[in-house]
Amino acid sequence: MPVLRRALAPRGTLVIVGGEGGTALFGGLTRGLRAVLLSPFTGRHLRNLVAVTRREDLLTLKDLAEKGTLTAPVDRTCPLARVPEAVRHLEKGHPRGKLVVTVP
């Protein structure tokens, strides 16, 4: 997390989404909990985001996907051999959609 904090503006906000690894007690929330506890001492706002998954929402998404009305925006498609070029594209700014890598 120190690397993430260094990338923030002096009074910036870091939102932790999800977790890595975790413990038996807290699962993947350990990283987010640590951020919330450290926040008062960093001069930056460290927050945790926990998504709530509802059955009704998932069923709506399923229906939209089955009807073909739900589509993900794709910025570009590239073969596996051109992934380094695609990553450079991502590093230059914000693509207007997902990057799709095709694998032979």
N, C-alpha and C. Protein backbone atom coordinates (compact mmCIF):
# COMPACT_ATOMS: atom_id res chain seq x y z
N MET A 1 0.79 -1.19 0.00
CA MET A 1 0.00 0.00 0.00
C MET A 1 0.85 1.27 0.00
N PRO A 2 2.08 1.26 0.52
CA PRO A 2 2.88 2.48 0.47
C PRO A 2 3.08 3.01 -0.95
N VAL A 3 3.23 2.12 -1.93
CA VAL A 3 3.41 2.56 -3.31
C VAL A 3 2.15 3.27 -3.79
N LEU A 4 0.98 2.75 -3.44
CA LEU A 4 -0.27 3.37 -3.84
C LEU A 4 -0.42 4.75 -3.21
N ARG A 5 -0.08 4.87 -1.95
CA ARG A 5 -0.18 6.17 -1.27
C ARG A 5 0.75 7.19 -1.90
N ARG A 6 1.94 6.77 -2.30
CA ARG A 6 2.88 7.72 -2.92
C ARG A 6 2.36 8.23 -4.25
N ALA A 7 1.51 7.46 -4.92
CA ALA A 7 0.97 7.88 -6.21
C ALA A 7 -0.17 8.89 -6.06
N LEU A 8 -0.69 9.06 -4.86
CA LEU A 8 -1.81 9.96 -4.63
C LEU A 8 -1.37 11.41 -4.50
N ALA A 9 -2.28 12.31 -4.82
CA ALA A 9 -2.07 13.73 -4.55
C ALA A 9 -2.01 13.90 -3.03
N PRO A 10 -1.43 14.99 -2.53
CA PRO A 10 -1.26 15.16 -1.09
C PRO A 10 -2.55 14.97 -0.26
N ARG A 11 -3.68 15.38 -0.75
CA ARG A 11 -4.94 15.18 -0.02
C ARG A 11 -5.85 14.22 -0.79
N GLY A 12 -5.28 13.32 -1.57
CA GLY A 12 -6.04 12.42 -2.44
C GLY A 12 -6.75 11.32 -1.68
N THR A 13 -7.58 10.60 -2.42
CA THR A 13 -8.34 9.50 -1.85
C THR A 13 -8.01 8.21 -2.60
N LEU A 14 -7.72 7.17 -1.85
CA LEU A 14 -7.47 5.84 -2.40
C LEU A 14 -8.63 4.95 -1.97
N VAL A 15 -9.28 4.32 -2.94
CA VAL A 15 -10.38 3.41 -2.64
C VAL A 15 -9.91 1.99 -2.93
N ILE A 16 -9.89 1.18 -1.89
CA ILE A 16 -9.48 -0.21 -2.01
C ILE A 16 -10.71 -1.03 -2.42
N VAL A 17 -10.60 -1.75 -3.52
CA VAL A 17 -11.70 -2.59 -4.00
C VAL A 17 -11.20 -4.03 -4.01
N GLY A 18 -11.80 -4.86 -3.19
CA GLY A 18 -11.38 -6.25 -3.12
C GLY A 18 -10.16 -6.42 -2.24
N GLY A 19 -9.66 -7.61 -2.22
CA GLY A 19 -8.52 -7.90 -1.36
C GLY A 19 -7.62 -8.93 -1.98
N GLU A 20 -6.49 -9.09 -1.37
CA GLU A 20 -5.51 -10.07 -1.82
C GLU A 20 -5.22 -11.01 -0.66
N GLY A 21 -5.37 -12.27 -0.90
CA GLY A 21 -5.07 -13.24 0.16
C GLY A 21 -6.05 -13.11 1.29
N GLY A 22 -5.61 -12.55 2.39
CA GLY A 22 -6.48 -12.38 3.54
C GLY A 22 -6.19 -13.40 4.62
N THR A 23 -7.00 -13.33 5.65
CA THR A 23 -6.85 -14.22 6.79
C THR A 23 -8.10 -15.07 6.95
N ALA A 24 -8.03 -16.05 7.81
CA ALA A 24 -9.18 -16.92 8.04
C ALA A 24 -10.34 -16.13 8.65
N LEU A 25 -10.04 -15.12 9.45
CA LEU A 25 -11.07 -14.34 10.12
C LEU A 25 -11.70 -13.29 9.21
N PHE A 26 -10.86 -12.57 8.45
CA PHE A 26 -11.36 -11.44 7.66
C PHE A 26 -11.41 -11.71 6.15
N GLY A 27 -10.91 -12.85 5.71
CA GLY A 27 -10.91 -13.15 4.28
C GLY A 27 -10.12 -12.11 3.51
N GLY A 28 -10.66 -11.62 2.39
CA GLY A 28 -9.98 -10.65 1.56
C GLY A 28 -10.14 -9.21 2.02
N LEU A 29 -10.78 -8.99 3.16
CA LEU A 29 -11.01 -7.63 3.64
C LEU A 29 -9.83 -7.05 4.42
N THR A 30 -8.81 -7.86 4.67
CA THR A 30 -7.68 -7.41 5.50
C THR A 30 -7.05 -6.13 4.95
N ARG A 31 -6.82 -6.07 3.66
CA ARG A 31 -6.17 -4.91 3.05
C ARG A 31 -7.03 -3.65 3.23
N GLY A 32 -8.32 -3.77 3.01
CA GLY A 32 -9.21 -2.62 3.17
C GLY A 32 -9.30 -2.16 4.61
N LEU A 33 -9.36 -3.11 5.53
CA LEU A 33 -9.41 -2.75 6.95
C LEU A 33 -8.13 -2.04 7.38
N ARG A 34 -7.00 -2.52 6.89
CA ARG A 34 -5.72 -1.88 7.19
C ARG A 34 -5.71 -0.44 6.66
N ALA A 35 -6.27 -0.24 5.47
CA ALA A 35 -6.31 1.10 4.88
C ALA A 35 -7.14 2.05 5.74
N VAL A 36 -8.29 1.58 6.20
CA VAL A 36 -9.16 2.42 7.02
C VAL A 36 -8.46 2.77 8.34
N LEU A 37 -7.75 1.82 8.93
CA LEU A 37 -7.04 2.08 10.19
C LEU A 37 -5.86 3.03 10.00
N LEU A 38 -5.19 2.95 8.85
CA LEU A 38 -4.03 3.82 8.60
C LEU A 38 -4.41 5.22 8.14
N SER A 39 -5.60 5.38 7.61
CA SER A 39 -6.02 6.63 7.01
C SER A 39 -5.78 7.88 7.87
N PRO A 40 -6.10 7.87 9.15
CA PRO A 40 -5.89 9.09 9.95
C PRO A 40 -4.42 9.51 10.08
N PHE A 41 -3.50 8.60 9.81
CA PHE A 41 -2.09 8.88 10.01
C PHE A 41 -1.34 9.19 8.71
N THR A 42 -2.00 9.12 7.56
CA THR A 42 -1.32 9.27 6.29
C THR A 42 -1.47 10.64 5.65
N GLY A 43 -2.45 11.42 6.08
CA GLY A 43 -2.71 12.70 5.44
C GLY A 43 -3.51 12.53 4.15
N ARG A 44 -3.89 11.32 3.86
CA ARG A 44 -4.70 11.01 2.69
C ARG A 44 -5.93 10.24 3.14
N HIS A 45 -6.90 10.16 2.26
CA HIS A 45 -8.13 9.43 2.58
C HIS A 45 -8.03 8.02 2.00
N LEU A 46 -7.98 7.03 2.85
CA LEU A 46 -7.94 5.63 2.42
C LEU A 46 -9.28 5.02 2.77
N ARG A 47 -9.99 4.56 1.77
CA ARG A 47 -11.33 4.04 1.96
C ARG A 47 -11.44 2.62 1.43
N ASN A 48 -12.45 1.93 1.86
CA ASN A 48 -12.70 0.56 1.45
C ASN A 48 -14.06 0.51 0.77
N LEU A 49 -14.16 -0.19 -0.35
CA LEU A 49 -15.43 -0.36 -1.04
C LEU A 49 -15.79 -1.83 -1.04
N VAL A 50 -16.97 -2.13 -0.54
CA VAL A 50 -17.45 -3.50 -0.54
C VAL A 50 -18.75 -3.51 -1.35
N ALA A 51 -18.76 -4.27 -2.41
CA ALA A 51 -19.95 -4.36 -3.26
C ALA A 51 -20.95 -5.33 -2.66
N VAL A 52 -22.21 -5.03 -2.85
CA VAL A 52 -23.28 -5.91 -2.41
C VAL A 52 -23.89 -6.53 -3.66
N THR A 53 -23.90 -7.83 -3.71
CA THR A 53 -24.45 -8.54 -4.86
C THR A 53 -25.87 -8.99 -4.50
N ARG A 54 -26.82 -8.54 -5.33
CA ARG A 54 -28.22 -8.92 -5.09
C ARG A 54 -28.71 -9.82 -6.22
N ARG A 55 -29.46 -10.81 -5.87
CA ARG A 55 -29.98 -11.77 -6.84
C ARG A 55 -30.77 -11.07 -7.94
N GLU A 56 -31.60 -10.10 -7.57
CA GLU A 56 -32.43 -9.40 -8.56
C GLU A 56 -31.56 -8.71 -9.60
N ASP A 57 -30.48 -8.09 -9.15
CA ASP A 57 -29.57 -7.39 -10.07
C ASP A 57 -28.91 -8.38 -11.03
N LEU A 58 -28.48 -9.52 -10.50
CA LEU A 58 -27.84 -10.53 -11.34
C LEU A 58 -28.81 -11.10 -12.36
N LEU A 59 -30.06 -11.30 -11.96
CA LEU A 59 -31.06 -11.80 -12.91
C LEU A 59 -31.34 -10.78 -14.01
N THR A 60 -31.34 -9.50 -13.66
CA THR A 60 -31.53 -8.45 -14.67
C THR A 60 -30.38 -8.46 -15.65
N LEU A 61 -29.15 -8.56 -15.15
CA LEU A 61 -27.98 -8.62 -16.03
C LEU A 61 -28.03 -9.85 -16.92
N LYS A 62 -28.44 -10.98 -16.35
CA LYS A 62 -28.56 -12.22 -17.13
C LYS A 62 -29.56 -12.04 -18.28
N ASP A 63 -30.70 -11.44 -17.97
CA ASP A 63 -31.72 -11.22 -19.01
C ASP A 63 -31.18 -10.30 -20.11
N LEU A 64 -30.52 -9.23 -19.73
CA LEU A 64 -29.97 -8.30 -20.72
C LEU A 64 -28.92 -8.98 -21.59
N ALA A 65 -28.08 -9.81 -20.98
CA ALA A 65 -27.04 -10.51 -21.74
C ALA A 65 -27.67 -11.51 -22.71
N GLU A 66 -28.68 -12.22 -22.26
CA GLU A 66 -29.34 -13.19 -23.13
C GLU A 66 -30.05 -12.53 -24.31
N LYS A 67 -30.57 -11.32 -24.10
CA LYS A 67 -31.24 -10.58 -25.16
C LYS A 67 -30.25 -9.90 -26.11
N GLY A 68 -28.97 -9.84 -25.68
CA GLY A 68 -27.96 -9.19 -26.50
C GLY A 68 -27.93 -7.68 -26.34
N THR A 69 -28.65 -7.16 -25.35
CA THR A 69 -28.65 -5.71 -25.13
C THR A 69 -27.56 -5.25 -24.18
N LEU A 70 -26.91 -6.17 -23.54
CA LEU A 70 -25.81 -5.84 -22.63
C LEU A 70 -24.50 -6.18 -23.33
N THR A 71 -23.74 -5.18 -23.63
CA THR A 71 -22.46 -5.41 -24.30
C THR A 71 -21.38 -4.60 -23.60
N ALA A 72 -20.20 -5.14 -23.58
CA ALA A 72 -19.06 -4.43 -22.99
C ALA A 72 -18.38 -3.63 -24.10
N PRO A 73 -18.05 -2.38 -23.84
CA PRO A 73 -17.33 -1.59 -24.86
C PRO A 73 -15.91 -2.14 -25.03
N VAL A 74 -15.50 -2.32 -26.27
CA VAL A 74 -14.17 -2.84 -26.56
C VAL A 74 -13.37 -1.75 -27.26
N ASP A 75 -12.24 -1.38 -26.67
CA ASP A 75 -11.36 -0.39 -27.27
C ASP A 75 -10.58 -0.99 -28.43
N ARG A 76 -10.02 -2.17 -28.19
CA ARG A 76 -9.26 -2.85 -29.24
C ARG A 76 -9.09 -4.32 -28.91
N THR A 77 -8.84 -5.08 -29.96
CA THR A 77 -8.57 -6.51 -29.85
C THR A 77 -7.18 -6.75 -30.41
N CYS A 78 -6.40 -7.57 -29.72
CA CYS A 78 -5.06 -7.84 -30.22
C CYS A 78 -4.69 -9.30 -29.95
N PRO A 79 -3.82 -9.85 -30.78
CA PRO A 79 -3.36 -11.23 -30.53
C PRO A 79 -2.38 -11.25 -29.36
N LEU A 80 -2.22 -12.42 -28.78
CA LEU A 80 -1.34 -12.58 -27.62
C LEU A 80 0.06 -12.04 -27.87
N ALA A 81 0.57 -12.19 -29.08
CA ALA A 81 1.92 -11.73 -29.39
C ALA A 81 2.07 -10.21 -29.30
N ARG A 82 0.96 -9.47 -29.36
CA ARG A 82 1.04 -8.01 -29.34
C ARG A 82 0.62 -7.41 -28.00
N VAL A 83 0.61 -8.22 -26.94
CA VAL A 83 0.22 -7.73 -25.62
C VAL A 83 1.12 -6.59 -25.14
N PRO A 84 2.46 -6.66 -25.31
CA PRO A 84 3.29 -5.52 -24.86
C PRO A 84 2.85 -4.20 -25.49
N GLU A 85 2.52 -4.22 -26.76
CA GLU A 85 2.03 -3.01 -27.43
C GLU A 85 0.70 -2.55 -26.82
N ALA A 86 -0.16 -3.50 -26.53
CA ALA A 86 -1.46 -3.18 -25.93
C ALA A 86 -1.28 -2.58 -24.53
N VAL A 87 -0.35 -3.10 -23.76
CA VAL A 87 -0.09 -2.56 -22.42
C VAL A 87 0.43 -1.13 -22.53
N ARG A 88 1.29 -0.86 -23.50
CA ARG A 88 1.76 0.52 -23.71
C ARG A 88 0.59 1.44 -24.03
N HIS A 89 -0.37 0.95 -24.80
CA HIS A 89 -1.56 1.73 -25.11
C HIS A 89 -2.32 2.06 -23.82
N LEU A 90 -2.44 1.07 -22.95
CA LEU A 90 -3.13 1.30 -21.68
C LEU A 90 -2.39 2.32 -20.82
N GLU A 91 -1.06 2.26 -20.83
CA GLU A 91 -0.25 3.16 -20.00
C GLU A 91 -0.33 4.61 -20.48
N LYS A 92 -0.64 4.82 -21.74
CA LYS A 92 -0.69 6.18 -22.29
C LYS A 92 -1.92 6.96 -21.85
N GLY A 93 -2.92 6.30 -21.39
CA GLY A 93 -4.13 7.02 -21.00
C GLY A 93 -5.25 6.07 -20.70
N HIS A 94 -6.42 6.57 -20.91
CA HIS A 94 -7.61 5.79 -20.58
C HIS A 94 -8.28 5.32 -21.86
N PRO A 95 -8.18 4.03 -22.16
CA PRO A 95 -8.86 3.53 -23.37
C PRO A 95 -10.37 3.65 -23.20
N ARG A 96 -11.05 3.65 -24.30
CA ARG A 96 -12.52 3.80 -24.29
C ARG A 96 -13.19 2.43 -24.31
N GLY A 97 -12.77 1.56 -23.45
CA GLY A 97 -13.36 0.23 -23.37
C GLY A 97 -12.32 -0.79 -22.96
N LYS A 98 -12.69 -2.02 -23.04
CA LYS A 98 -11.82 -3.12 -22.63
C LYS A 98 -10.82 -3.47 -23.71
N LEU A 99 -9.74 -4.03 -23.26
CA LEU A 99 -8.72 -4.57 -24.16
C LEU A 99 -8.94 -6.08 -24.21
N VAL A 100 -9.15 -6.61 -25.40
CA VAL A 100 -9.41 -8.05 -25.55
C VAL A 100 -8.17 -8.69 -26.18
N VAL A 101 -7.66 -9.71 -25.51
CA VAL A 101 -6.50 -10.45 -26.03
C VAL A 101 -7.00 -11.78 -26.58
N THR A 102 -6.69 -12.03 -27.84
CA THR A 102 -7.10 -13.29 -28.45
C THR A 102 -5.96 -14.29 -28.32
N VAL A 103 -6.32 -15.50 -27.95
CA VAL A 103 -5.33 -16.56 -27.75
C VAL A 103 -5.61 -17.64 -28.81
N PRO A 104 -4.55 -18.01 -29.56
CA PRO A 104 -4.78 -19.00 -30.62
C PRO A 104 -5.18 -20.36 -30.08
